[in-house]
Amino acid sequence: MSETKNPPNQDDLPPPSGVRETKKPRGLAALSPERRREIARLGGKAAQQTGKPHRFSSEEARQAGKKGGEKVSKDRDFMVLIGQKGGNKISQDKEHMAKIGQKGGKMVSQDLVHMKEIARLGGLAKNHNARKRKIKEN
């Protein structure tokens, strides 16, 4: 008689090939920021000693930035997240928000036609509220 074996428990199985058991940082990510800076410094120094350090021209930098911007901007959800995060951060700076308000107020107040319209509407609203009060009193 042969014994039937139960299938092994999932926890007892090794991970599939190519899958790490843990999510520990590897490579440069596992190094301290100081060590990464040191490696980058040595790489830059070596490139300069060979006489071939790459320097982006302003045109190359512009093209690289444009390419990266186009790639990122296709992800609408990410763009929304960036905008919300930036808006939330800046709106917490009360001094900055006050300056924005003052600047906007100065710009608007120089538009005399617009200011007259605001005053006219304010007067209409005041008169309207006064009329409503009179009607309620009667």
C-alpha atoms as a PDB file:
ATOM      1  CA  MET A   1       0.000   0.000   0.000  1.00  0.00           C
ATOM      2  CA  SER A   2       1.246   3.427  -0.843  1.00  0.00           C
ATOM      3  CA  GLU A   3       0.555   6.413   1.329  1.00  0.00           C
ATOM      4  CA  THR A   4      -0.957   9.480  -0.239  1.00  0.00           C
ATOM      5  CA  LYS A   5       0.869  12.654   0.673  1.00  0.00           C
ATOM      6  CA  ASN A   6      -0.895  15.896   1.372  1.00  0.00           C
ATOM      7  CA  PRO A   7       0.225  18.815  -0.792  1.00  0.00           C
ATOM      8  CA  PRO A   8       2.815  20.987   0.972  1.00  0.00           C
ATOM      9  CA  ASN A   9       1.695  24.103   2.812  1.00  0.00           C
ATOM     10  CA  GLN A  10       2.257  27.364   0.833  1.00  0.00           C
ATOM     11  CA  ASP A  11       4.430  28.692   3.657  1.00  0.00           C
ATOM     12  CA  ASP A  12       6.743  25.686   3.334  1.00  0.00           C
ATOM     13  CA  LEU A  13       7.422  26.235  -0.370  1.00  0.00           C
ATOM     14  CA  PRO A  14      10.412  28.257  -1.554  1.00  0.00           C
ATOM     15  CA  PRO A  15       9.566  31.432  -3.475  1.00  0.00           C
ATOM     16  CA  PRO A  16       9.383  31.108  -7.269  1.00  0.00           C
ATOM     17  CA  SER A  17      12.664  31.760  -9.023  1.00  0.00           C
ATOM     18  CA  GLY A  18      13.384  35.449  -9.487  1.00  0.00           C
ATOM     19  CA  VAL A  19      11.196  36.458  -6.527  1.00  0.00           C
ATOM     20  CA  ARG A  20      12.897  37.799  -3.423  1.00  0.00           C
ATOM     21  CA  GLU A  21      11.718  36.599  -0.033  1.00  0.00           C
ATOM     22  CA  THR A  22      12.064  39.999   1.618  1.00  0.00           C
ATOM     23  CA  LYS A  23      11.910  43.537   0.364  1.00  0.00           C
ATOM     24  CA  LYS A  24      15.243  44.672   1.754  1.00  0.00           C
ATOM     25  CA  PRO A  25      16.928  47.450  -0.200  1.00  0.00           C
ATOM     26  CA  ARG A  26      19.570  46.214  -2.595  1.00  0.00           C
ATOM     27  CA  GLY A  27      22.477  47.783  -4.407  1.00  0.00           C
ATOM     28  CA  LEU A  28      22.922  51.509  -3.949  1.00  0.00           C
ATOM     29  CA  ALA A  29      19.594  51.762  -2.123  1.00  0.00           C
ATOM     30  CA  ALA A  30      21.062  49.666   0.705  1.00  0.00           C
ATOM     31  CA  LEU A  31      23.924  52.135   1.228  1.00  0.00           C
ATOM     32  CA  SER A  32      23.845  55.135   3.502  1.00  0.00           C
ATOM     33  CA  PRO A  33      23.326  58.530   1.835  1.00  0.00           C
ATOM     34  CA  GLU A  34      26.901  59.475   2.773  1.00  0.00           C
ATOM     35  CA  ARG A  35      28.304  56.380   1.045  1.00  0.00           C
ATOM     36  CA  ARG A  36      26.203  57.024  -2.080  1.00  0.00           C
ATOM     37  CA  ARG A  37      27.511  60.604  -2.230  1.00  0.00           C
ATOM     38  CA  GLU A  38      31.079  59.311  -1.885  1.00  0.00           C
ATOM     39  CA  ILE A  39      30.579  56.855  -4.761  1.00  0.00           C
ATOM     40  CA  ALA A  40      29.080  59.599  -6.939  1.00  0.00           C
ATOM     41  CA  ARG A  41      31.961  61.924  -6.075  1.00  0.00           C
ATOM     42  CA  LEU A  42      34.521  59.271  -7.023  1.00  0.00           C
ATOM     43  CA  GLY A  43      32.697  58.577 -10.288  1.00  0.00           C
ATOM     44  CA  GLY A  44      32.687  62.259 -11.183  1.00  0.00           C
ATOM     45  CA  LYS A  45      36.350  62.580 -10.293  1.00  0.00           C
ATOM     46  CA  ALA A  46      37.238  59.544 -12.458  1.00  0.00           C
ATOM     47  CA  ALA A  47      35.275  60.954 -15.401  1.00  0.00           C
ATOM     48  CA  GLN A  48      37.106  64.261 -15.145  1.00  0.00           C
ATOM     49  CA  GLN A  49      40.486  62.521 -14.971  1.00  0.00           C
ATOM     50  CA  THR A  50      39.778  60.641 -18.196  1.00  0.00           C
ATOM     51  CA  GLY A  51      38.829  63.934 -19.795  1.00  0.00           C
ATOM     52  CA  LYS A  52      35.382  62.723 -20.804  1.00  0.00           C
ATOM     53  CA  PRO A  53      32.879  64.020 -18.272  1.00  0.00           C
ATOM     54  CA  HIS A  54      29.518  64.512 -19.923  1.00  0.00           C
ATOM     55  CA  ARG A  55      28.131  68.001 -19.750  1.00  0.00           C
ATOM     56  CA  PHE A  56      24.619  68.618 -21.003  1.00  0.00           C
ATOM     57  CA  SER A  57      24.365  71.507 -23.396  1.00  0.00           C
ATOM     58  CA  SER A  58      21.375  73.743 -22.757  1.00  0.00           C
ATOM     59  CA  GLU A  59      19.699  72.187 -25.810  1.00  0.00           C
ATOM     60  CA  GLU A  60      20.270  68.622 -24.549  1.00  0.00           C
ATOM     61  CA  ALA A  61      18.952  69.579 -21.117  1.00  0.00           C
ATOM     62  CA  ARG A  62      15.879  71.206 -22.684  1.00  0.00           C
ATOM     63  CA  GLN A  63      15.143  68.102 -24.775  1.00  0.00           C
ATOM     64  CA  ALA A  64      15.618  65.763 -21.802  1.00  0.00           C
ATOM     65  CA  GLY A  65      13.326  67.880 -19.643  1.00  0.00           C
ATOM     66  CA  LYS A  66      10.696  68.034 -22.370  1.00  0.00           C
ATOM     67  CA  LYS A  67      10.819  64.264 -22.861  1.00  0.00           C
ATOM     68  CA  GLY A  68      10.500  63.623 -19.112  1.00  0.00           C
ATOM     69  CA  GLY A  69       7.687  66.145 -18.766  1.00  0.00           C
ATOM     70  CA  GLU A  70       5.731  64.591 -21.630  1.00  0.00           C
ATOM     71  CA  LYS A  71       6.125  61.131 -20.121  1.00  0.00           C
ATOM     72  CA  VAL A  72       5.007  62.176 -16.628  1.00  0.00           C
ATOM     73  CA  SER A  73       2.142  64.383 -17.791  1.00  0.00           C
ATOM     74  CA  LYS A  74       0.442  61.413 -19.487  1.00  0.00           C
ATOM     75  CA  ASP A  75      -0.329  59.993 -16.036  1.00  0.00           C
ATOM     76  CA  ARG A  76      -3.322  62.184 -15.153  1.00  0.00           C
ATOM     77  CA  ASP A  77      -3.821  60.680 -11.686  1.00  0.00           C
ATOM     78  CA  PHE A  78      -0.204  61.449 -10.812  1.00  0.00           C
ATOM     79  CA  MET A  79      -0.550  65.008 -12.110  1.00  0.00           C
ATOM     80  CA  VAL A  80      -3.668  65.505  -9.958  1.00  0.00           C
ATOM     81  CA  LEU A  81      -1.798  64.194  -6.929  1.00  0.00           C
ATOM     82  CA  ILE A  82       1.131  66.548  -7.569  1.00  0.00           C
ATOM     83  CA  GLY A  83      -1.215  69.530  -7.924  1.00  0.00           C
ATOM     84  CA  GLN A  84      -3.123  68.701  -4.746  1.00  0.00           C
ATOM     85  CA  LYS A  85       0.063  68.159  -2.772  1.00  0.00           C
ATOM     86  CA  GLY A  86       1.532  71.454  -3.975  1.00  0.00           C
ATOM     87  CA  GLY A  87      -1.707  73.337  -3.355  1.00  0.00           C
ATOM     88  CA  ASN A  88      -2.039  71.936   0.160  1.00  0.00           C
ATOM     89  CA  LYS A  89       1.577  72.755   0.976  1.00  0.00           C
ATOM     90  CA  ILE A  90       1.478  76.336  -0.299  1.00  0.00           C
ATOM     91  CA  SER A  91      -1.897  77.125   1.242  1.00  0.00           C
ATOM     92  CA  GLN A  92      -0.465  76.396   4.697  1.00  0.00           C
ATOM     93  CA  ASP A  93       1.975  79.304   4.261  1.00  0.00           C
ATOM     94  CA  LYS A  94      -0.240  82.132   5.533  1.00  0.00           C
ATOM     95  CA  GLU A  95       2.315  84.834   4.739  1.00  0.00           C
ATOM     96  CA  HIS A  96       2.599  83.672   1.139  1.00  0.00           C
ATOM     97  CA  MET A  97      -1.186  83.462   0.766  1.00  0.00           C
ATOM     98  CA  ALA A  98      -1.544  86.997   2.178  1.00  0.00           C
ATOM     99  CA  LYS A  99       0.949  88.293  -0.413  1.00  0.00           C
ATOM    100  CA  ILE A 100      -0.997  86.592  -3.194  1.00  0.00           C
ATOM    101  CA  GLY A 101      -4.224  88.176  -1.937  1.00  0.00           C
ATOM    102  CA  GLN A 102      -2.639  91.622  -1.690  1.00  0.00           C
ATOM    103  CA  LYS A 103      -1.180  91.335  -5.166  1.00  0.00           C
ATOM    104  CA  GLY A 104      -4.528  90.243  -6.576  1.00  0.00           C
ATOM    105  CA  GLY A 105      -6.289  93.061  -4.732  1.00  0.00           C
ATOM    106  CA  LYS A 106      -3.872  95.654  -6.133  1.00  0.00           C
ATOM    107  CA  MET A 107      -4.338  94.334  -9.661  1.00  0.00           C
ATOM    108  CA  VAL A 108      -8.129  94.360  -9.398  1.00  0.00           C
ATOM    109  CA  SER A 109      -8.289  97.765  -7.726  1.00  0.00           C
ATOM    110  CA  GLN A 110      -6.459  99.330 -10.681  1.00  0.00           C
ATOM    111  CA  ASP A 111      -9.300  98.262 -12.985  1.00  0.00           C
ATOM    112  CA  LEU A 112     -11.670 101.185 -12.388  1.00  0.00           C
ATOM    113  CA  VAL A 113     -14.477  99.764 -14.520  1.00  0.00           C
ATOM    114  CA  HIS A 114     -14.394  96.564 -12.505  1.00  0.00           C
ATOM    115  CA  MET A 115     -14.319  98.465  -9.192  1.00  0.00           C
ATOM    116  CA  LYS A 116     -17.337 100.559 -10.237  1.00  0.00           C
ATOM    117  CA  GLU A 117     -19.227  97.373 -11.090  1.00  0.00           C
ATOM    118  CA  ILE A 118     -18.392  95.879  -7.693  1.00  0.00           C
ATOM    119  CA  ALA A 119     -19.605  99.057  -5.971  1.00  0.00           C
ATOM    120  CA  ARG A 120     -22.793  99.104  -8.039  1.00  0.00           C
ATOM    121  CA  LEU A 121     -23.552  95.475  -7.224  1.00  0.00           C
ATOM    122  CA  GLY A 122     -22.769  96.074  -3.567  1.00  0.00           C
ATOM    123  CA  GLY A 123     -25.181  98.998  -3.504  1.00  0.00           C
ATOM    124  CA  LEU A 124     -27.861  96.912  -5.177  1.00  0.00           C
ATOM    125  CA  ALA A 125     -27.372  94.125  -2.660  1.00  0.00           C
ATOM    126  CA  LYS A 126     -27.533  96.585   0.245  1.00  0.00           C
ATOM    127  CA  ASN A 127     -30.737  98.128  -1.121  1.00  0.00           C
ATOM    128  CA  HIS A 128     -32.174  94.685  -1.780  1.00  0.00           C
ATOM    129  CA  ASN A 129     -31.478  93.584   1.811  1.00  0.00           C
ATOM    130  CA  ALA A 130     -32.998  96.826   3.136  1.00  0.00           C
ATOM    131  CA  ARG A 131     -36.137  96.213   1.044  1.00  0.00           C
ATOM    132  CA  LYS A 132     -36.371  92.637   2.363  1.00  0.00           C
ATOM    133  CA  ARG A 133     -36.170  93.928   5.944  1.00  0.00           C
ATOM    134  CA  LYS A 134     -38.910  96.494   5.316  1.00  0.00           C
ATOM    135  CA  ILE A 135     -41.168  93.824   3.849  1.00  0.00           C
ATOM    136  CA  LYS A 136     -40.608  91.550   6.858  1.00  0.00           C
ATOM    137  CA  GLU A 137     -41.379  94.407   9.272  1.00  0.00           C
ATOM    138  CA  ASN A 138     -44.714  95.191   7.576  1.00  0.00           C
END
